[in-house]
N, C-alpha and C. Protein backbone atom coordinates (compact mmCIF):
# COMPACT_ATOMS: atom_id res chain seq x y z
N MET A 1 -10.43 20.56 6.47
CA MET A 1 -10.02 21.71 5.69
C MET A 1 -9.97 21.33 4.21
N VAL A 2 -10.79 21.96 3.40
CA VAL A 2 -10.84 21.68 1.97
C VAL A 2 -9.99 22.70 1.24
N SER A 3 -9.19 22.21 0.28
CA SER A 3 -8.35 23.09 -0.52
C SER A 3 -8.31 22.60 -1.95
N LEU A 4 -7.93 23.50 -2.84
CA LEU A 4 -7.74 23.17 -4.25
C LEU A 4 -6.24 23.13 -4.51
N ARG A 5 -5.78 22.06 -5.15
CA ARG A 5 -4.37 21.91 -5.47
C ARG A 5 -4.21 21.59 -6.95
N SER A 6 -3.12 22.05 -7.51
CA SER A 6 -2.81 21.75 -8.90
C SER A 6 -2.64 20.25 -9.10
N LEU A 7 -3.00 19.80 -10.28
CA LEU A 7 -2.71 18.42 -10.63
C LEU A 7 -1.22 18.32 -10.96
N SER A 8 -0.60 17.26 -10.50
CA SER A 8 0.83 17.07 -10.71
C SER A 8 1.10 15.59 -10.91
N GLU A 9 2.33 15.28 -11.26
CA GLU A 9 2.70 13.88 -11.41
C GLU A 9 2.52 13.12 -10.09
N SER A 10 2.70 13.81 -8.97
CA SER A 10 2.60 13.12 -7.68
C SER A 10 1.17 12.81 -7.25
N ASN A 11 0.17 13.54 -7.77
CA ASN A 11 -1.21 13.27 -7.35
C ASN A 11 -2.13 12.84 -8.49
N ARG A 12 -1.68 12.91 -9.72
CA ARG A 12 -2.55 12.64 -10.86
C ARG A 12 -3.21 11.26 -10.80
N GLN A 13 -2.46 10.23 -10.48
CA GLN A 13 -3.02 8.88 -10.46
C GLN A 13 -4.13 8.76 -9.41
N ALA A 14 -3.90 9.30 -8.22
CA ALA A 14 -4.91 9.24 -7.16
C ALA A 14 -6.16 10.04 -7.53
N VAL A 15 -5.97 11.19 -8.15
CA VAL A 15 -7.11 12.02 -8.53
C VAL A 15 -7.89 11.36 -9.67
N GLU A 16 -7.18 10.79 -10.65
CA GLU A 16 -7.87 10.13 -11.76
C GLU A 16 -8.61 8.86 -11.31
N ALA A 17 -8.26 8.33 -10.17
CA ALA A 17 -8.94 7.13 -9.65
C ALA A 17 -10.27 7.47 -8.96
N LEU A 18 -10.54 8.73 -8.70
CA LEU A 18 -11.78 9.14 -8.04
C LEU A 18 -12.97 8.88 -8.96
N ARG A 19 -14.09 8.45 -8.37
CA ARG A 19 -15.28 8.10 -9.15
C ARG A 19 -16.54 8.54 -8.42
N VAL A 20 -17.54 8.93 -9.21
CA VAL A 20 -18.86 9.18 -8.64
C VAL A 20 -19.60 7.84 -8.58
N SER A 21 -20.78 7.85 -7.99
CA SER A 21 -21.57 6.62 -7.92
C SER A 21 -22.05 6.24 -9.32
N PRO A 22 -22.37 4.96 -9.54
CA PRO A 22 -22.84 4.53 -10.86
C PRO A 22 -24.05 5.33 -11.36
N SER A 23 -24.95 5.74 -10.47
CA SER A 23 -26.14 6.50 -10.91
C SER A 23 -25.79 7.91 -11.36
N GLN A 24 -24.60 8.38 -11.03
CA GLN A 24 -24.19 9.74 -11.41
C GLN A 24 -23.29 9.76 -12.64
N GLU A 25 -22.84 8.60 -13.09
CA GLU A 25 -21.86 8.55 -14.17
C GLU A 25 -22.35 9.18 -15.47
N ARG A 26 -23.65 9.16 -15.72
CA ARG A 26 -24.14 9.77 -16.96
C ARG A 26 -24.14 11.29 -16.90
N PHE A 27 -23.94 11.85 -15.70
CA PHE A 27 -23.93 13.30 -15.52
C PHE A 27 -22.53 13.87 -15.31
N VAL A 28 -21.61 13.06 -14.82
CA VAL A 28 -20.29 13.54 -14.45
C VAL A 28 -19.24 12.65 -15.10
N SER A 29 -18.44 13.23 -15.97
CA SER A 29 -17.39 12.44 -16.61
C SER A 29 -16.23 12.23 -15.65
N SER A 30 -15.43 11.23 -15.95
CA SER A 30 -14.27 10.95 -15.11
C SER A 30 -13.26 12.09 -15.21
N VAL A 31 -12.30 12.09 -14.31
CA VAL A 31 -11.25 13.11 -14.33
C VAL A 31 -10.48 13.02 -15.64
N ALA A 32 -10.08 11.82 -16.04
CA ALA A 32 -9.32 11.66 -17.28
C ALA A 32 -10.12 12.15 -18.49
N GLU A 33 -11.41 11.80 -18.54
CA GLU A 33 -12.26 12.27 -19.64
C GLU A 33 -12.40 13.79 -19.62
N SER A 34 -12.51 14.37 -18.44
CA SER A 34 -12.63 15.82 -18.32
C SER A 34 -11.37 16.51 -18.83
N LEU A 35 -10.21 15.98 -18.49
CA LEU A 35 -8.95 16.56 -18.95
C LEU A 35 -8.80 16.44 -20.47
N ARG A 36 -9.24 15.31 -21.03
CA ARG A 36 -9.22 15.16 -22.49
C ARG A 36 -10.17 16.16 -23.15
N GLU A 37 -11.34 16.35 -22.56
CA GLU A 37 -12.31 17.32 -23.09
C GLU A 37 -11.71 18.72 -23.07
N ALA A 38 -11.06 19.08 -21.99
CA ALA A 38 -10.43 20.41 -21.88
C ALA A 38 -9.35 20.58 -22.96
N ALA A 39 -8.56 19.54 -23.19
CA ALA A 39 -7.51 19.61 -24.21
C ALA A 39 -8.11 19.75 -25.61
N ALA A 40 -9.26 19.13 -25.84
CA ALA A 40 -9.91 19.19 -27.15
C ALA A 40 -10.68 20.50 -27.35
N GLU A 41 -10.88 21.26 -26.28
CA GLU A 41 -11.64 22.51 -26.33
C GLU A 41 -10.76 23.66 -25.80
N PRO A 42 -9.67 24.00 -26.50
CA PRO A 42 -8.74 24.99 -25.95
C PRO A 42 -9.35 26.37 -25.73
N ASP A 43 -10.37 26.75 -26.52
CA ASP A 43 -11.00 28.05 -26.30
C ASP A 43 -11.85 28.10 -25.04
N GLY A 44 -12.12 26.94 -24.45
CA GLY A 44 -12.81 26.91 -23.16
C GLY A 44 -11.90 27.38 -22.04
N ARG A 45 -10.59 27.38 -22.30
CA ARG A 45 -9.58 27.85 -21.35
C ARG A 45 -9.80 27.28 -19.94
N ALA A 46 -9.82 25.97 -19.88
CA ALA A 46 -10.09 25.27 -18.62
C ALA A 46 -8.97 25.49 -17.60
N LEU A 47 -9.39 25.66 -16.38
CA LEU A 47 -8.50 25.63 -15.21
C LEU A 47 -9.03 24.50 -14.34
N SER A 48 -8.13 23.63 -13.88
CA SER A 48 -8.60 22.50 -13.08
C SER A 48 -7.72 22.29 -11.85
N TRP A 49 -8.35 21.72 -10.83
CA TRP A 49 -7.67 21.45 -9.58
C TRP A 49 -8.17 20.14 -8.98
N ALA A 50 -7.32 19.54 -8.19
CA ALA A 50 -7.72 18.44 -7.33
C ALA A 50 -8.33 19.05 -6.08
N VAL A 51 -9.38 18.42 -5.56
CA VAL A 51 -10.01 18.87 -4.31
C VAL A 51 -9.46 17.98 -3.20
N TYR A 52 -8.91 18.61 -2.17
CA TYR A 52 -8.34 17.88 -1.05
C TYR A 52 -9.08 18.19 0.23
N ALA A 53 -9.25 17.16 1.06
CA ALA A 53 -9.68 17.31 2.45
C ALA A 53 -8.43 16.99 3.25
N ASP A 54 -7.86 17.99 3.84
CA ASP A 54 -6.54 17.86 4.48
C ASP A 54 -5.57 17.32 3.44
N ASP A 55 -5.02 16.12 3.61
CA ASP A 55 -4.07 15.58 2.65
C ASP A 55 -4.64 14.46 1.79
N THR A 56 -5.96 14.33 1.77
CA THR A 56 -6.62 13.27 1.01
C THR A 56 -7.33 13.86 -0.21
N PRO A 57 -7.03 13.37 -1.42
CA PRO A 57 -7.78 13.83 -2.59
C PRO A 57 -9.20 13.25 -2.55
N VAL A 58 -10.18 14.14 -2.62
CA VAL A 58 -11.59 13.71 -2.54
C VAL A 58 -12.39 14.09 -3.79
N GLY A 59 -11.79 14.91 -4.67
CA GLY A 59 -12.56 15.34 -5.83
C GLY A 59 -11.72 16.08 -6.85
N PHE A 60 -12.44 16.63 -7.81
CA PHE A 60 -11.84 17.33 -8.95
C PHE A 60 -12.81 18.43 -9.37
N VAL A 61 -12.26 19.58 -9.75
CA VAL A 61 -13.10 20.67 -10.24
C VAL A 61 -12.39 21.33 -11.42
N MET A 62 -13.20 21.74 -12.40
CA MET A 62 -12.67 22.40 -13.59
C MET A 62 -13.60 23.55 -13.94
N ILE A 63 -13.01 24.70 -14.25
CA ILE A 63 -13.79 25.89 -14.61
C ILE A 63 -13.30 26.46 -15.93
N SER A 64 -14.13 27.29 -16.53
CA SER A 64 -13.72 28.20 -17.60
C SER A 64 -13.78 29.58 -16.98
N ASP A 65 -12.72 30.33 -17.18
CA ASP A 65 -12.71 31.69 -16.66
C ASP A 65 -12.92 32.63 -17.84
N GLU A 66 -11.88 33.16 -18.39
CA GLU A 66 -11.99 33.98 -19.59
C GLU A 66 -11.86 33.06 -20.78
N VAL A 67 -12.87 32.99 -21.61
CA VAL A 67 -12.89 32.06 -22.73
C VAL A 67 -12.36 32.72 -23.99
N GLY A 68 -11.98 31.89 -24.96
CA GLY A 68 -11.38 32.39 -26.18
C GLY A 68 -12.32 32.47 -27.36
N SER A 69 -13.61 32.26 -27.14
CA SER A 69 -14.58 32.26 -28.23
C SER A 69 -15.98 32.47 -27.66
N PRO A 70 -16.86 33.13 -28.42
CA PRO A 70 -18.23 33.30 -27.94
C PRO A 70 -19.02 31.99 -27.90
N ASP A 71 -18.43 30.90 -28.39
CA ASP A 71 -19.08 29.60 -28.32
C ASP A 71 -19.05 29.01 -26.91
N TYR A 72 -18.30 29.64 -26.00
CA TYR A 72 -18.14 29.14 -24.64
C TYR A 72 -18.74 30.13 -23.65
N ILE A 73 -19.16 29.60 -22.52
CA ILE A 73 -19.73 30.43 -21.46
C ILE A 73 -18.61 30.84 -20.52
N PRO A 74 -18.36 32.15 -20.38
CA PRO A 74 -17.31 32.57 -19.43
C PRO A 74 -17.78 32.38 -17.99
N HIS A 75 -16.81 32.23 -17.09
CA HIS A 75 -17.10 32.12 -15.66
C HIS A 75 -18.06 30.97 -15.43
N TYR A 76 -17.59 29.81 -15.82
CA TYR A 76 -18.42 28.61 -15.90
C TYR A 76 -17.81 27.48 -15.07
N LEU A 77 -18.63 26.86 -14.25
CA LEU A 77 -18.23 25.65 -13.53
C LEU A 77 -18.43 24.50 -14.50
N TRP A 78 -17.32 24.01 -15.06
CA TRP A 78 -17.36 23.04 -16.15
C TRP A 78 -17.52 21.62 -15.60
N LYS A 79 -16.78 21.29 -14.55
CA LYS A 79 -16.85 19.94 -13.96
C LYS A 79 -16.72 20.06 -12.44
N LEU A 80 -17.47 19.24 -11.75
CA LEU A 80 -17.31 19.09 -10.31
C LEU A 80 -17.58 17.63 -9.99
N LEU A 81 -16.57 16.97 -9.47
CA LEU A 81 -16.66 15.55 -9.13
C LEU A 81 -16.18 15.38 -7.70
N ILE A 82 -17.03 14.84 -6.87
CA ILE A 82 -16.62 14.41 -5.53
C ILE A 82 -16.77 12.90 -5.52
N ASP A 83 -15.70 12.21 -5.14
CA ASP A 83 -15.71 10.74 -5.12
C ASP A 83 -16.89 10.24 -4.27
N GLU A 84 -17.50 9.15 -4.73
CA GLU A 84 -18.69 8.63 -4.03
C GLU A 84 -18.43 8.34 -2.56
N ARG A 85 -17.20 7.99 -2.18
CA ARG A 85 -16.89 7.71 -0.77
C ARG A 85 -16.92 8.96 0.10
N TYR A 86 -16.84 10.13 -0.54
CA TYR A 86 -16.74 11.38 0.21
C TYR A 86 -17.93 12.30 0.01
N GLN A 87 -18.96 11.83 -0.69
CA GLN A 87 -20.15 12.66 -0.88
C GLN A 87 -20.95 12.75 0.41
N ARG A 88 -21.76 13.79 0.48
CA ARG A 88 -22.64 14.07 1.62
C ARG A 88 -21.84 14.35 2.91
N GLN A 89 -20.63 14.88 2.71
CA GLN A 89 -19.80 15.26 3.86
C GLN A 89 -19.42 16.74 3.80
N GLY A 90 -20.03 17.49 2.86
CA GLY A 90 -19.78 18.92 2.74
C GLY A 90 -18.65 19.31 1.80
N PHE A 91 -18.01 18.33 1.15
CA PHE A 91 -16.88 18.66 0.29
C PHE A 91 -17.31 19.35 -1.00
N GLY A 92 -18.46 18.97 -1.54
CA GLY A 92 -18.96 19.64 -2.75
C GLY A 92 -19.29 21.09 -2.47
N THR A 93 -19.97 21.35 -1.37
CA THR A 93 -20.31 22.72 -0.99
C THR A 93 -19.05 23.53 -0.71
N ALA A 94 -18.09 22.94 0.00
CA ALA A 94 -16.83 23.63 0.29
C ALA A 94 -16.07 23.94 -1.00
N THR A 95 -16.14 23.03 -1.97
CA THR A 95 -15.49 23.28 -3.26
C THR A 95 -16.17 24.44 -3.98
N LEU A 96 -17.50 24.45 -3.98
CA LEU A 96 -18.22 25.57 -4.58
C LEU A 96 -17.86 26.88 -3.89
N ASP A 97 -17.73 26.86 -2.58
CA ASP A 97 -17.33 28.07 -1.85
C ASP A 97 -15.99 28.59 -2.38
N LEU A 98 -15.04 27.69 -2.63
CA LEU A 98 -13.72 28.11 -3.12
C LEU A 98 -13.81 28.63 -4.56
N VAL A 99 -14.62 28.01 -5.38
CA VAL A 99 -14.80 28.48 -6.76
C VAL A 99 -15.47 29.86 -6.75
N VAL A 100 -16.50 30.03 -5.94
CA VAL A 100 -17.18 31.32 -5.84
C VAL A 100 -16.20 32.38 -5.34
N GLU A 101 -15.40 32.04 -4.35
CA GLU A 101 -14.40 32.98 -3.83
C GLU A 101 -13.42 33.39 -4.94
N TYR A 102 -13.00 32.42 -5.75
CA TYR A 102 -12.11 32.71 -6.87
C TYR A 102 -12.75 33.73 -7.80
N PHE A 103 -14.00 33.49 -8.22
CA PHE A 103 -14.65 34.39 -9.17
C PHE A 103 -15.01 35.73 -8.54
N ARG A 104 -15.36 35.75 -7.27
CA ARG A 104 -15.65 37.04 -6.63
C ARG A 104 -14.40 37.90 -6.53
N GLY A 105 -13.25 37.27 -6.55
CA GLY A 105 -11.99 38.01 -6.54
C GLY A 105 -11.62 38.60 -7.89
N ARG A 106 -12.40 38.29 -8.90
CA ARG A 106 -12.16 38.79 -10.26
C ARG A 106 -13.01 40.03 -10.50
N PRO A 107 -12.42 41.16 -10.82
CA PRO A 107 -13.20 42.37 -11.09
C PRO A 107 -14.18 42.17 -12.23
N GLY A 108 -15.39 42.63 -12.03
CA GLY A 108 -16.39 42.61 -13.09
C GLY A 108 -17.12 41.29 -13.29
N VAL A 109 -16.77 40.25 -12.55
CA VAL A 109 -17.46 38.97 -12.71
C VAL A 109 -18.70 39.00 -11.81
N GLU A 110 -19.86 38.96 -12.46
CA GLU A 110 -21.12 39.11 -11.74
C GLU A 110 -21.86 37.79 -11.53
N VAL A 111 -21.62 36.81 -12.43
CA VAL A 111 -22.41 35.58 -12.44
C VAL A 111 -21.50 34.38 -12.68
N LEU A 112 -21.79 33.30 -11.97
CA LEU A 112 -21.17 32.01 -12.21
C LEU A 112 -22.24 31.12 -12.81
N SER A 113 -21.90 30.47 -13.93
CA SER A 113 -22.85 29.57 -14.59
C SER A 113 -22.38 28.13 -14.47
N THR A 114 -23.32 27.23 -14.56
CA THR A 114 -23.03 25.80 -14.69
C THR A 114 -24.22 25.16 -15.40
N SER A 115 -24.15 23.88 -15.62
CA SER A 115 -25.27 23.18 -16.25
C SER A 115 -25.31 21.76 -15.72
N GLY A 116 -26.45 21.14 -15.90
CA GLY A 116 -26.59 19.76 -15.46
C GLY A 116 -27.68 19.04 -16.23
N GLY A 117 -27.46 17.76 -16.43
CA GLY A 117 -28.48 16.92 -17.06
C GLY A 117 -29.61 16.65 -16.08
N GLN A 118 -30.74 16.25 -16.62
CA GLN A 118 -31.91 15.98 -15.79
C GLN A 118 -32.11 14.48 -15.60
N GLY A 119 -32.67 14.11 -14.46
CA GLY A 119 -32.98 12.72 -14.18
C GLY A 119 -32.38 12.26 -12.87
N GLU A 120 -32.62 10.99 -12.56
CA GLU A 120 -32.13 10.40 -11.31
C GLU A 120 -30.61 10.51 -11.23
N GLY A 121 -30.12 11.08 -10.12
CA GLY A 121 -28.68 11.27 -9.93
C GLY A 121 -28.17 12.61 -10.42
N SER A 122 -29.05 13.46 -10.96
CA SER A 122 -28.66 14.76 -11.49
C SER A 122 -28.12 15.67 -10.38
N PRO A 123 -27.13 16.50 -10.71
CA PRO A 123 -26.61 17.44 -9.72
C PRO A 123 -27.44 18.72 -9.58
N ILE A 124 -28.50 18.87 -10.35
CA ILE A 124 -29.25 20.13 -10.36
C ILE A 124 -29.75 20.51 -8.97
N THR A 125 -30.32 19.59 -8.23
CA THR A 125 -30.85 19.95 -6.90
C THR A 125 -29.72 20.38 -5.96
N PHE A 126 -28.55 19.77 -6.08
CA PHE A 126 -27.38 20.20 -5.28
C PHE A 126 -27.06 21.66 -5.60
N TYR A 127 -27.00 22.00 -6.89
CA TYR A 127 -26.69 23.39 -7.27
C TYR A 127 -27.78 24.35 -6.81
N GLU A 128 -29.03 23.93 -6.91
CA GLU A 128 -30.12 24.81 -6.46
C GLU A 128 -30.06 25.04 -4.96
N ARG A 129 -29.74 24.02 -4.19
CA ARG A 129 -29.60 24.20 -2.73
C ARG A 129 -28.50 25.21 -2.43
N TYR A 130 -27.48 25.25 -3.25
CA TYR A 130 -26.38 26.19 -3.05
C TYR A 130 -26.81 27.62 -3.39
N GLY A 131 -27.81 27.77 -4.26
CA GLY A 131 -28.27 29.10 -4.64
C GLY A 131 -28.33 29.35 -6.14
N PHE A 132 -27.89 28.39 -6.95
CA PHE A 132 -28.02 28.52 -8.39
C PHE A 132 -29.50 28.49 -8.77
N VAL A 133 -29.84 29.18 -9.85
CA VAL A 133 -31.20 29.25 -10.34
C VAL A 133 -31.21 28.82 -11.80
N GLN A 134 -32.18 27.98 -12.16
CA GLN A 134 -32.33 27.57 -13.55
C GLN A 134 -32.74 28.77 -14.39
N THR A 135 -32.12 28.90 -15.57
CA THR A 135 -32.40 30.03 -16.46
C THR A 135 -33.52 29.74 -17.44
N GLY A 136 -33.86 28.47 -17.63
CA GLY A 136 -34.83 28.09 -18.65
C GLY A 136 -34.16 27.74 -19.97
N GLU A 137 -32.86 28.01 -20.07
CA GLU A 137 -32.11 27.68 -21.28
C GLU A 137 -31.60 26.24 -21.20
N VAL A 138 -31.50 25.62 -22.37
CA VAL A 138 -30.92 24.29 -22.48
C VAL A 138 -29.66 24.43 -23.33
N VAL A 139 -28.56 23.88 -22.84
CA VAL A 139 -27.26 24.01 -23.51
C VAL A 139 -26.62 22.65 -23.69
N PHE A 140 -25.61 22.63 -24.53
CA PHE A 140 -24.78 21.44 -24.75
C PHE A 140 -25.64 20.22 -25.08
N ASP A 141 -25.49 19.15 -24.34
CA ASP A 141 -26.23 17.91 -24.62
C ASP A 141 -27.50 17.86 -23.79
N ASP A 142 -28.41 18.80 -24.05
CA ASP A 142 -29.69 18.88 -23.33
C ASP A 142 -29.52 19.09 -21.84
N GLU A 143 -28.55 19.91 -21.46
CA GLU A 143 -28.34 20.24 -20.05
C GLU A 143 -29.04 21.54 -19.71
N VAL A 144 -29.56 21.62 -18.50
CA VAL A 144 -30.22 22.82 -18.00
C VAL A 144 -29.13 23.79 -17.53
N LEU A 145 -29.23 25.04 -17.99
CA LEU A 145 -28.28 26.08 -17.59
C LEU A 145 -28.73 26.68 -16.25
N LEU A 146 -27.79 26.84 -15.34
CA LEU A 146 -28.06 27.46 -14.04
C LEU A 146 -27.08 28.62 -13.83
N ARG A 147 -27.54 29.63 -13.09
CA ARG A 147 -26.68 30.77 -12.81
C ARG A 147 -26.76 31.13 -11.33
N LEU A 148 -25.61 31.60 -10.84
CA LEU A 148 -25.51 32.06 -9.45
C LEU A 148 -25.00 33.50 -9.48
N LYS A 149 -25.79 34.43 -8.91
CA LYS A 149 -25.33 35.82 -8.83
C LYS A 149 -24.23 35.89 -7.78
N LEU A 150 -23.13 36.53 -8.14
CA LEU A 150 -21.98 36.63 -7.25
C LEU A 150 -21.95 37.94 -6.48
N ARG A 151 -22.68 38.92 -6.94
CA ARG A 151 -22.66 40.24 -6.29
C ARG A 151 -24.06 40.78 -6.14
């Protein structure tokens, strides 16, 4: 059973210890780096959760919902990290299911966006298998923009 839980003093250390494989590190920042990025980008209005499989933290996810500036993409999957020990077990897909469910529960939200760098270890093929489609746009640090229709 996969669930999203708030970060707290009781789980923060375990969640911040989660890591992707070395080949993925150039595409996925650590939990601590992600939280610092969110703090430095307040108009991104980040919401973040620990990803749990039963009572075990297996990942981290961060989204932008309603943003505070047109410089940010609303309804955006900002970070998704599944620890290398727990990859290829369905936790990433289950996390996306929960994020999609969250946004589908929001009136008027039609599209979920995300982005990914290109190259060995890139998450783009994972997102495409889920149903995201490349838009042809390049954003941020040369990342490919992808969109998933929610309705």
